[in-house]
Amino acid sequence: KIDEETKLSLADKVASADFVAFKASATEELGARKTSFEQFRDATVLDFAGVRAEAKAQQDKDVQAMAAVTTDLAAHRVEVTLSFDQNTAALATYKTEVAQGSEA
């Protein structure tokens, strides 16, 4: 027969062994989750960096496009101004010719 103290001692040993096994299992699981989280975090950081790079590239394209439009508008403005000046000069010449024709 096993006395009560021996039973308790054996129960403690079994519980202690179970606890050690549980602790090892939990530590392993925690390590796996930590690794998984770190991989997720690293992937998220890389994804975010990629999105930022794409947004910056698009912004640069937009700035270049706006600069091109501004340049085109400036050139068109110069053309319109020259055309207006030429038309004004032609009108002045025409008025002068008409006035001279009226005098004759």
C-alpha atoms as a PDB file:
ATOM      1  CA  LYS A   1       0.000   0.000   0.000  1.00  0.00           C
ATOM      2  CA  ILE A   2       1.067   3.528  -0.760  1.00  0.00           C
ATOM      3  CA  ASP A   3       0.614   5.937   2.077  1.00  0.00           C
ATOM      4  CA  GLU A   4      -1.047   9.344   1.664  1.00  0.00           C
ATOM      5  CA  GLU A   5       2.219  11.281   1.761  1.00  0.00           C
ATOM      6  CA  THR A   6       3.675   9.197  -1.069  1.00  0.00           C
ATOM      7  CA  LYS A   7       0.490   9.674  -3.074  1.00  0.00           C
ATOM      8  CA  LEU A   8       0.749  13.434  -2.599  1.00  0.00           C
ATOM      9  CA  SER A   9       4.431  13.371  -3.482  1.00  0.00           C
ATOM     10  CA  LEU A  10       3.700  11.379  -6.652  1.00  0.00           C
ATOM     11  CA  ALA A  11       0.814  13.700  -7.492  1.00  0.00           C
ATOM     12  CA  ASP A  12       3.124  16.702  -7.034  1.00  0.00           C
ATOM     13  CA  LYS A  13       5.692  15.108  -9.333  1.00  0.00           C
ATOM     14  CA  VAL A  14       3.064  14.382 -11.986  1.00  0.00           C
ATOM     15  CA  ALA A  15       1.656  17.898 -11.646  1.00  0.00           C
ATOM     16  CA  SER A  16       5.151  19.346 -11.800  1.00  0.00           C
ATOM     17  CA  ALA A  17       5.953  17.298 -14.920  1.00  0.00           C
ATOM     18  CA  ASP A  18       2.650  18.333 -16.476  1.00  0.00           C
ATOM     19  CA  PHE A  19       3.403  21.951 -15.662  1.00  0.00           C
ATOM     20  CA  VAL A  20       6.894  21.716 -17.175  1.00  0.00           C
ATOM     21  CA  ALA A  21       5.443  20.139 -20.321  1.00  0.00           C
ATOM     22  CA  PHE A  22       2.697  22.779 -20.444  1.00  0.00           C
ATOM     23  CA  LYS A  23       5.236  25.558 -19.934  1.00  0.00           C
ATOM     24  CA  ALA A  24       7.444  24.193 -22.710  1.00  0.00           C
ATOM     25  CA  SER A  25       4.460  23.874 -25.028  1.00  0.00           C
ATOM     26  CA  ALA A  26       3.221  27.377 -24.181  1.00  0.00           C
ATOM     27  CA  THR A  27       6.713  28.809 -24.650  1.00  0.00           C
ATOM     28  CA  GLU A  28       6.969  27.121 -28.052  1.00  0.00           C
ATOM     29  CA  GLU A  29       3.512  28.388 -29.042  1.00  0.00           C
ATOM     30  CA  LEU A  30       4.375  31.894 -27.859  1.00  0.00           C
ATOM     31  CA  GLY A  31       7.607  31.798 -29.850  1.00  0.00           C
ATOM     32  CA  ALA A  32       5.727  30.689 -32.963  1.00  0.00           C
ATOM     33  CA  ARG A  33       3.149  33.443 -32.521  1.00  0.00           C
ATOM     34  CA  LYS A  34       5.888  36.002 -31.928  1.00  0.00           C
ATOM     35  CA  THR A  35       7.671  34.895 -35.094  1.00  0.00           C
ATOM     36  CA  SER A  36       4.398  35.003 -37.014  1.00  0.00           C
ATOM     37  CA  PHE A  37       3.651  38.487 -35.685  1.00  0.00           C
ATOM     38  CA  GLU A  38       7.159  39.699 -36.544  1.00  0.00           C
ATOM     39  CA  GLN A  39       6.785  38.364 -40.086  1.00  0.00           C
ATOM     40  CA  PHE A  40       3.384  40.063 -40.386  1.00  0.00           C
ATOM     41  CA  ARG A  41       4.812  43.309 -39.006  1.00  0.00           C
ATOM     42  CA  ASP A  42       7.777  43.202 -41.388  1.00  0.00           C
ATOM     43  CA  ALA A  43       5.485  42.480 -44.360  1.00  0.00           C
ATOM     44  CA  THR A  44       3.197  45.340 -43.321  1.00  0.00           C
ATOM     45  CA  VAL A  45       6.136  47.726 -43.050  1.00  0.00           C
ATOM     46  CA  LEU A  46       7.351  46.659 -46.499  1.00  0.00           C
ATOM     47  CA  ASP A  47       3.838  47.005 -47.948  1.00  0.00           C
ATOM     48  CA  PHE A  48       3.488  50.468 -46.442  1.00  0.00           C
ATOM     49  CA  ALA A  49       6.888  51.484 -47.802  1.00  0.00           C
ATOM     50  CA  GLY A  50       5.814  50.225 -51.229  1.00  0.00           C
ATOM     51  CA  VAL A  51       2.564  52.165 -51.083  1.00  0.00           C
ATOM     52  CA  ARG A  52       4.451  55.294 -50.047  1.00  0.00           C
ATOM     53  CA  ALA A  53       6.926  54.841 -52.900  1.00  0.00           C
ATOM     54  CA  GLU A  54       4.079  54.389 -55.398  1.00  0.00           C
ATOM     55  CA  ALA A  55       2.294  57.474 -54.050  1.00  0.00           C
ATOM     56  CA  LYS A  56       5.518  59.505 -54.272  1.00  0.00           C
ATOM     57  CA  ALA A  57       6.099  58.330 -57.847  1.00  0.00           C
ATOM     58  CA  GLN A  58       2.527  59.287 -58.787  1.00  0.00           C
ATOM     59  CA  GLN A  59       2.946  62.655 -57.110  1.00  0.00           C
ATOM     60  CA  ASP A  60       6.150  63.240 -59.082  1.00  0.00           C
ATOM     61  CA  LYS A  61       4.318  62.341 -62.313  1.00  0.00           C
ATOM     62  CA  ASP A  62       1.500  64.737 -61.396  1.00  0.00           C
ATOM     63  CA  VAL A  63       3.977  67.545 -60.684  1.00  0.00           C
ATOM     64  CA  GLN A  64       5.666  66.936 -64.043  1.00  0.00           C
ATOM     65  CA  ALA A  65       2.305  66.919 -65.803  1.00  0.00           C
ATOM     66  CA  MET A  66       1.304  70.180 -64.093  1.00  0.00           C
ATOM     67  CA  ALA A  67       4.626  71.745 -65.099  1.00  0.00           C
ATOM     68  CA  ALA A  68       4.046  70.659 -68.707  1.00  0.00           C
ATOM     69  CA  VAL A  69       0.534  72.136 -68.673  1.00  0.00           C
ATOM     70  CA  THR A  70       1.855  75.369 -67.173  1.00  0.00           C
ATOM     71  CA  THR A  71       4.530  75.540 -69.886  1.00  0.00           C
ATOM     72  CA  ASP A  72       1.927  74.860 -72.583  1.00  0.00           C
ATOM     73  CA  LEU A  73      -0.348  77.551 -71.173  1.00  0.00           C
ATOM     74  CA  ALA A  74       2.503  80.056 -71.054  1.00  0.00           C
ATOM     75  CA  ALA A  75       3.412  79.297 -74.684  1.00  0.00           C
ATOM     76  CA  HIS A  76      -0.242  79.602 -75.722  1.00  0.00           C
ATOM     77  CA  ARG A  77      -0.508  82.909 -73.890  1.00  0.00           C
ATOM     78  CA  VAL A  78       2.516  84.215 -75.772  1.00  0.00           C
ATOM     79  CA  GLU A  79       0.965  83.056 -79.076  1.00  0.00           C
ATOM     80  CA  VAL A  80      -2.362  84.714 -78.242  1.00  0.00           C
ATOM     81  CA  THR A  81      -0.628  87.929 -77.198  1.00  0.00           C
ATOM     82  CA  LEU A  82       1.423  88.009 -80.430  1.00  0.00           C
ATOM     83  CA  SER A  83      -1.678  87.282 -82.480  1.00  0.00           C
ATOM     84  CA  PHE A  84      -3.602  90.016 -80.680  1.00  0.00           C
ATOM     85  CA  ASP A  85      -0.753  92.479 -81.229  1.00  0.00           C
ATOM     86  CA  GLN A  86      -0.595  91.526 -84.932  1.00  0.00           C
ATOM     87  CA  ASN A  87      -4.376  91.911 -85.255  1.00  0.00           C
ATOM     88  CA  THR A  88      -4.226  95.283 -83.485  1.00  0.00           C
ATOM     89  CA  ALA A  89      -1.478  96.447 -85.846  1.00  0.00           C
ATOM     90  CA  ALA A  90      -3.403  95.177 -88.884  1.00  0.00           C
ATOM     91  CA  LEU A  91      -6.536  96.951 -87.675  1.00  0.00           C
ATOM     92  CA  ALA A  92      -4.597 100.180 -87.190  1.00  0.00           C
ATOM     93  CA  THR A  93      -3.168  99.838 -90.714  1.00  0.00           C
ATOM     94  CA  TYR A  94      -6.653  99.142 -92.113  1.00  0.00           C
ATOM     95  CA  LYS A  95      -8.102 102.174 -90.312  1.00  0.00           C
ATOM     96  CA  THR A  96      -5.310 104.311 -91.671  1.00  0.00           C
ATOM     97  CA  GLU A  97      -5.881 103.012 -95.199  1.00  0.00           C
ATOM     98  CA  VAL A  98      -9.632 103.572 -94.895  1.00  0.00           C
ATOM     99  CA  ALA A  99      -9.064 107.071 -93.567  1.00  0.00           C
ATOM    100  CA  GLN A 100      -6.648 107.836 -96.400  1.00  0.00           C
ATOM    101  CA  GLY A 101      -9.094 106.336 -98.915  1.00  0.00           C
ATOM    102  CA  SER A 102     -11.869 108.537 -97.538  1.00  0.00           C
ATOM    103  CA  GLU A 103      -9.712 111.621 -97.923  1.00  0.00           C
ATOM    104  CA  ALA A 104      -8.948 110.863-101.546  1.00  0.00           C
END
